[in-house]
Protein backbone atom coordinates (compact mmCIF):
# COMPACT_ATOMS: atom_id res chain seq x y z
CA MET A 1 -21.91 39.37 -19.09
CA SER A 2 -19.98 42.15 -20.78
CA LEU A 3 -16.41 42.06 -21.95
CA SER A 4 -15.28 44.40 -19.19
CA GLU A 5 -16.88 42.11 -16.58
CA PHE A 6 -15.03 39.18 -18.11
CA PHE A 7 -11.66 40.96 -17.91
CA ASN A 8 -12.44 42.20 -14.38
CA MET A 9 -13.04 38.59 -13.25
CA GLY A 10 -15.29 39.64 -10.37
CA GLY A 11 -12.59 41.77 -8.80
CA TYR A 12 -9.94 39.09 -8.96
CA ALA A 13 -8.48 40.14 -12.31
CA VAL A 14 -5.04 40.97 -10.91
CA PHE A 15 -4.65 37.48 -9.49
CA VAL A 16 -6.18 35.63 -12.44
CA TRP A 17 -4.32 37.45 -15.21
CA SER A 18 -1.01 37.40 -13.35
CA SER A 19 -1.45 33.63 -12.91
CA TYR A 20 -2.04 33.26 -16.63
CA GLY A 21 0.98 35.43 -17.37
CA LEU A 22 3.25 33.52 -15.02
CA THR A 23 2.06 30.21 -16.46
CA LEU A 24 2.81 31.44 -19.98
CA VAL A 25 6.32 32.52 -18.94
CA VAL A 26 7.02 29.12 -17.37
CA LEU A 27 5.76 27.30 -20.46
CA VAL A 28 7.92 29.39 -22.76
CA ILE A 29 10.98 28.80 -20.58
CA ASN A 30 10.23 25.06 -20.48
CA TRP A 31 10.24 25.05 -24.28
CA LEU A 32 13.07 27.51 -24.91
CA LEU A 33 15.81 26.13 -22.65
CA PRO A 34 15.72 22.53 -23.96
CA TYR A 35 15.47 23.85 -27.53
CA GLN A 36 18.60 25.96 -27.08
CA GLN A 37 20.43 23.06 -25.44
CA HIS A 38 19.44 20.79 -28.33
CA LYS A 39 20.82 23.25 -30.88
CA LYS A 40 24.03 23.63 -28.85
CA THR A 41 24.46 19.85 -28.66
CA LEU A 42 23.92 19.46 -32.41
CA ARG A 43 26.54 22.14 -33.16
CA LYS A 44 28.99 20.42 -30.83
CA LEU A 45 28.41 17.01 -32.43
CA LYS A 46 28.80 18.44 -35.95
CA ARG A 47 32.07 20.12 -34.94
CA GLN A 48 33.34 16.85 -33.44
CA LEU A 49 32.36 14.95 -36.56
CA ARG A 50 34.26 17.42 -38.77
CA GLN A 51 37.32 17.16 -36.52
CA ASP A 52 37.19 13.36 -36.55
CA LYS A 53 36.89 13.35 -40.32
CA GLN A 54 39.89 15.68 -40.65
CA ILE A 55 41.93 13.41 -38.37
CA ASP A 56 40.96 10.36 -40.44
CA ASP A 57 41.84 12.16 -43.68
CA THR A 58 45.30 13.15 -42.43
CA SER A 59 46.13 9.73 -40.99
CA THR A 60 45.53 7.86 -44.28
């Protein structure tokens, strides 16, 4: 079995490699979107904490 035969996949290369590509895209999206949401939530919580601390400092 040569390397070109491997990449040709018996004539089904278009289907096989596009399936791998689509799977990779879905996996990246499944990692990226929650990661971005997590960072956004942390920024929001830090901002709220700073605002709460400022309110506490001014009220005392």
